[in-house]
Amino acid sequence: MTFADFAFATWNDLIHLIIKVDEKEKFNGFPNVKNWHERMTSRPSWKKIMDTRTELVAEQNVDPNTGLPIGVASLQEWEEKIAKKREEEIAQQ
Protein backbone atom coordinates (compact mmCIF):
# COMPACT_ATOMS: atom_id res chain seq x y z
CA MET A 1 0.00 0.00 0.00
CA THR A 2 1.52 3.31 -1.06
CA PHE A 3 1.09 6.80 0.33
CA ALA A 4 -1.14 7.56 -2.67
CA ASP A 5 -3.37 4.61 -1.77
CA PHE A 6 -3.67 5.87 1.81
CA ALA A 7 -4.51 9.37 0.58
CA PHE A 8 -7.17 8.32 -1.91
CA ALA A 9 -8.71 5.64 0.30
CA THR A 10 -9.17 8.28 2.99
CA TRP A 11 -11.02 10.58 0.58
CA ASN A 12 -13.06 7.68 -0.73
CA ASP A 13 -14.16 6.88 2.81
CA LEU A 14 -15.80 10.33 3.03
CA ILE A 15 -16.77 10.99 -0.59
CA HIS A 16 -20.44 10.30 0.14
CA LEU A 17 -20.49 13.40 2.38
CA ILE A 18 -19.19 15.54 -0.47
CA ILE A 19 -21.34 14.19 -3.28
CA LYS A 20 -24.32 13.86 -0.92
CA VAL A 21 -25.35 10.26 -1.48
CA ASP A 22 -25.96 7.40 0.90
CA GLU A 23 -22.67 5.83 1.93
CA LYS A 24 -23.73 2.48 0.42
CA GLU A 25 -24.25 4.16 -2.97
CA LYS A 26 -21.00 6.11 -3.23
CA PHE A 27 -19.38 3.65 -5.63
CA ASN A 28 -22.44 2.98 -7.80
CA GLY A 29 -21.26 2.90 -11.39
CA PHE A 30 -17.61 2.53 -10.35
CA PRO A 31 -17.05 -1.18 -9.64
CA ASN A 32 -13.27 -1.02 -10.14
CA VAL A 33 -12.94 1.85 -7.66
CA LYS A 34 -15.14 -0.02 -5.19
CA ASN A 35 -13.03 -3.19 -5.53
CA TRP A 36 -9.77 -1.25 -5.13
CA HIS A 37 -11.13 0.64 -2.12
CA GLU A 38 -12.28 -2.56 -0.44
CA ARG A 39 -8.88 -4.17 -1.03
CA MET A 40 -7.09 -1.16 0.46
CA THR A 41 -9.33 -0.73 3.50
CA SER A 42 -9.24 -4.43 4.37
CA ARG A 43 -5.46 -4.36 4.82
CA PRO A 44 -4.00 -4.51 8.34
CA SER A 45 -1.94 -1.35 7.65
CA TRP A 46 -5.16 0.58 6.88
CA LYS A 47 -6.84 -0.67 10.02
CA LYS A 48 -3.81 0.28 12.10
CA ILE A 49 -3.63 3.83 10.74
CA MET A 50 -7.39 4.32 11.16
CA ASP A 51 -7.20 3.11 14.77
CA THR A 52 -4.38 5.59 15.41
CA ARG A 53 -6.38 8.36 13.72
CA THR A 54 -9.42 7.57 15.88
CA GLU A 55 -7.32 7.82 19.05
CA LEU A 56 -5.73 11.13 18.02
CA VAL A 57 -9.05 12.67 16.98
CA ALA A 58 -10.62 11.61 20.30
CA GLU A 59 -7.72 13.19 22.24
CA GLN A 60 -8.34 16.47 20.43
CA ASN A 61 -12.12 16.30 20.94
CA VAL A 62 -12.88 16.96 17.28
CA ASP A 63 -15.28 15.42 14.80
CA PRO A 64 -13.33 13.00 12.59
CA ASN A 65 -15.26 14.02 9.47
CA THR A 66 -15.18 17.81 9.80
CA GLY A 67 -12.20 18.51 12.04
CA LEU A 68 -14.42 20.85 14.06
CA PRO A 69 -14.72 20.57 17.84
CA ILE A 70 -17.40 18.15 19.03
CA GLY A 71 -20.70 20.00 19.35
CA VAL A 72 -19.90 22.63 16.71
CA ALA A 73 -22.12 22.25 13.65
CA SER A 74 -20.34 24.47 11.13
CA LEU A 75 -17.24 26.51 10.42
CA GLN A 76 -19.34 29.67 10.75
CA GLU A 77 -20.46 28.64 14.25
CA TRP A 78 -16.84 27.92 15.22
CA GLU A 79 -15.64 31.27 13.89
CA GLU A 80 -18.40 33.03 15.85
CA LYS A 81 -17.38 31.24 19.05
CA ILE A 82 -13.74 32.24 18.52
CA ALA A 83 -14.72 35.88 17.88
CA LYS A 84 -16.90 35.95 21.01
CA LYS A 85 -14.09 34.49 23.12
CA ARG A 86 -11.67 37.12 21.79
CA GLU A 87 -14.14 39.88 22.61
CA GLU A 88 -14.50 38.54 26.16
CA GLU A 89 -10.72 38.38 26.60
CA ILE A 90 -10.34 41.95 25.37
CA ALA A 91 -13.10 43.13 27.72
CA GLN A 92 -11.31 41.52 30.68
CA GLN A 93 -8.07 43.41 30.00
C-alpha atoms as a PDB file:
ATOM      1  CA  MET A   1       0.000   0.000   0.000  1.00  0.00           C
ATOM      2  CA  THR A   2       1.517   3.306  -1.060  1.00  0.00           C
ATOM      3  CA  PHE A   3       1.093   6.802   0.327  1.00  0.00           C
ATOM      4  CA  ALA A   4      -1.145   7.564  -2.665  1.00  0.00           C
ATOM      5  CA  ASP A   5      -3.366   4.613  -1.771  1.00  0.00           C
ATOM      6  CA  PHE A   6      -3.670   5.870   1.814  1.00  0.00           C
ATOM      7  CA  ALA A   7      -4.506   9.367   0.581  1.00  0.00           C
ATOM      8  CA  PHE A   8      -7.171   8.315  -1.913  1.00  0.00           C
ATOM      9  CA  ALA A   9      -8.713   5.642   0.303  1.00  0.00           C
ATOM     10  CA  THR A  10      -9.169   8.284   2.995  1.00  0.00           C
ATOM     11  CA  TRP A  11     -11.016  10.584   0.583  1.00  0.00           C
ATOM     12  CA  ASN A  12     -13.060   7.678  -0.728  1.00  0.00           C
ATOM     13  CA  ASP A  13     -14.161   6.883   2.813  1.00  0.00           C
ATOM     14  CA  LEU A  14     -15.799  10.332   3.029  1.00  0.00           C
ATOM     15  CA  ILE A  15     -16.773  10.989  -0.590  1.00  0.00           C
ATOM     16  CA  HIS A  16     -20.438  10.305   0.137  1.00  0.00           C
ATOM     17  CA  LEU A  17     -20.486  13.398   2.376  1.00  0.00           C
ATOM     18  CA  ILE A  18     -19.188  15.544  -0.473  1.00  0.00           C
ATOM     19  CA  ILE A  19     -21.343  14.190  -3.285  1.00  0.00           C
ATOM     20  CA  LYS A  20     -24.324  13.861  -0.923  1.00  0.00           C
ATOM     21  CA  VAL A  21     -25.349  10.262  -1.483  1.00  0.00           C
ATOM     22  CA  ASP A  22     -25.961   7.403   0.896  1.00  0.00           C
ATOM     23  CA  GLU A  23     -22.673   5.826   1.929  1.00  0.00           C
ATOM     24  CA  LYS A  24     -23.726   2.481   0.420  1.00  0.00           C
ATOM     25  CA  GLU A  25     -24.254   4.164  -2.968  1.00  0.00           C
ATOM     26  CA  LYS A  26     -20.998   6.107  -3.227  1.00  0.00           C
ATOM     27  CA  PHE A  27     -19.382   3.649  -5.631  1.00  0.00           C
ATOM     28  CA  ASN A  28     -22.440   2.983  -7.797  1.00  0.00           C
ATOM     29  CA  GLY A  29     -21.264   2.895 -11.394  1.00  0.00           C
ATOM     30  CA  PHE A  30     -17.610   2.531 -10.351  1.00  0.00           C
ATOM     31  CA  PRO A  31     -17.051  -1.183  -9.641  1.00  0.00           C
ATOM     32  CA  ASN A  32     -13.273  -1.020 -10.136  1.00  0.00           C
ATOM     33  CA  VAL A  33     -12.939   1.847  -7.661  1.00  0.00           C
ATOM     34  CA  LYS A  34     -15.142  -0.025  -5.189  1.00  0.00           C
ATOM     35  CA  ASN A  35     -13.028  -3.192  -5.534  1.00  0.00           C
ATOM     36  CA  TRP A  36      -9.771  -1.248  -5.129  1.00  0.00           C
ATOM     37  CA  HIS A  37     -11.135   0.641  -2.123  1.00  0.00           C
ATOM     38  CA  GLU A  38     -12.278  -2.557  -0.437  1.00  0.00           C
ATOM     39  CA  ARG A  39      -8.876  -4.169  -1.029  1.00  0.00           C
ATOM     40  CA  MET A  40      -7.087  -1.160   0.455  1.00  0.00           C
ATOM     41  CA  THR A  41      -9.329  -0.728   3.496  1.00  0.00           C
ATOM     42  CA  SER A  42      -9.244  -4.426   4.373  1.00  0.00           C
ATOM     43  CA  ARG A  43      -5.463  -4.359   4.819  1.00  0.00           C
ATOM     44  CA  PRO A  44      -3.995  -4.507   8.344  1.00  0.00           C
ATOM     45  CA  SER A  45      -1.944  -1.354   7.651  1.00  0.00           C
ATOM     46  CA  TRP A  46      -5.160   0.575   6.881  1.00  0.00           C
ATOM     47  CA  LYS A  47      -6.843  -0.672  10.024  1.00  0.00           C
ATOM     48  CA  LYS A  48      -3.806   0.283  12.101  1.00  0.00           C
ATOM     49  CA  ILE A  49      -3.626   3.825  10.741  1.00  0.00           C
ATOM     50  CA  MET A  50      -7.391   4.322  11.159  1.00  0.00           C
ATOM     51  CA  ASP A  51      -7.197   3.114  14.771  1.00  0.00           C
ATOM     52  CA  THR A  52      -4.383   5.593  15.412  1.00  0.00           C
ATOM     53  CA  ARG A  53      -6.383   8.362  13.720  1.00  0.00           C
ATOM     54  CA  THR A  54      -9.417   7.574  15.883  1.00  0.00           C
ATOM     55  CA  GLU A  55      -7.320   7.818  19.046  1.00  0.00           C
ATOM     56  CA  LEU A  56      -5.734  11.127  18.022  1.00  0.00           C
ATOM     57  CA  VAL A  57      -9.047  12.665  16.985  1.00  0.00           C
ATOM     58  CA  ALA A  58     -10.618  11.609  20.300  1.00  0.00           C
ATOM     59  CA  GLU A  59      -7.722  13.187  22.242  1.00  0.00           C
ATOM     60  CA  GLN A  60      -8.336  16.471  20.426  1.00  0.00           C
ATOM     61  CA  ASN A  61     -12.122  16.297  20.938  1.00  0.00           C
ATOM     62  CA  VAL A  62     -12.877  16.961  17.277  1.00  0.00           C
ATOM     63  CA  ASP A  63     -15.280  15.419  14.804  1.00  0.00           C
ATOM     64  CA  PRO A  64     -13.326  13.000  12.589  1.00  0.00           C
ATOM     65  CA  ASN A  65     -15.262  14.018   9.465  1.00  0.00           C
ATOM     66  CA  THR A  66     -15.181  17.806   9.800  1.00  0.00           C
ATOM     67  CA  GLY A  67     -12.204  18.513  12.039  1.00  0.00           C
ATOM     68  CA  LEU A  68     -14.421  20.855  14.062  1.00  0.00           C
ATOM     69  CA  PRO A  69     -14.721  20.574  17.843  1.00  0.00           C
ATOM     70  CA  ILE A  70     -17.399  18.152  19.030  1.00  0.00           C
ATOM     71  CA  GLY A  71     -20.704  19.996  19.347  1.00  0.00           C
ATOM     72  CA  VAL A  72     -19.904  22.633  16.710  1.00  0.00           C
ATOM     73  CA  ALA A  73     -22.116  22.248  13.651  1.00  0.00           C
ATOM     74  CA  SER A  74     -20.340  24.474  11.127  1.00  0.00           C
ATOM     75  CA  LEU A  75     -17.238  26.508  10.421  1.00  0.00           C
ATOM     76  CA  GLN A  76     -19.339  29.669  10.752  1.00  0.00           C
ATOM     77  CA  GLU A  77     -20.460  28.642  14.246  1.00  0.00           C
ATOM     78  CA  TRP A  78     -16.842  27.920  15.223  1.00  0.00           C
ATOM     79  CA  GLU A  79     -15.644  31.267  13.894  1.00  0.00           C
ATOM     80  CA  GLU A  80     -18.401  33.030  15.853  1.00  0.00           C
ATOM     81  CA  LYS A  81     -17.377  31.235  19.047  1.00  0.00           C
ATOM     82  CA  ILE A  82     -13.743  32.237  18.517  1.00  0.00           C
ATOM     83  CA  ALA A  83     -14.722  35.876  17.876  1.00  0.00           C
ATOM     84  CA  LYS A  84     -16.899  35.947  21.008  1.00  0.00           C
ATOM     85  CA  LYS A  85     -14.090  34.488  23.116  1.00  0.00           C
ATOM     86  CA  ARG A  86     -11.669  37.119  21.787  1.00  0.00           C
ATOM     87  CA  GLU A  87     -14.142  39.877  22.614  1.00  0.00           C
ATOM     88  CA  GLU A  88     -14.498  38.539  26.159  1.00  0.00           C
ATOM     89  CA  GLU A  89     -10.724  38.381  26.602  1.00  0.00           C
ATOM     90  CA  ILE A  90     -10.337  41.953  25.367  1.00  0.00           C
ATOM     91  CA  ALA A  91     -13.105  43.134  27.720  1.00  0.00           C
ATOM     92  CA  GLN A  92     -11.307  41.523  30.680  1.00  0.00           C
ATOM     93  CA  GLN A  93      -8.072  43.409  30.005  1.00  0.00           C
END
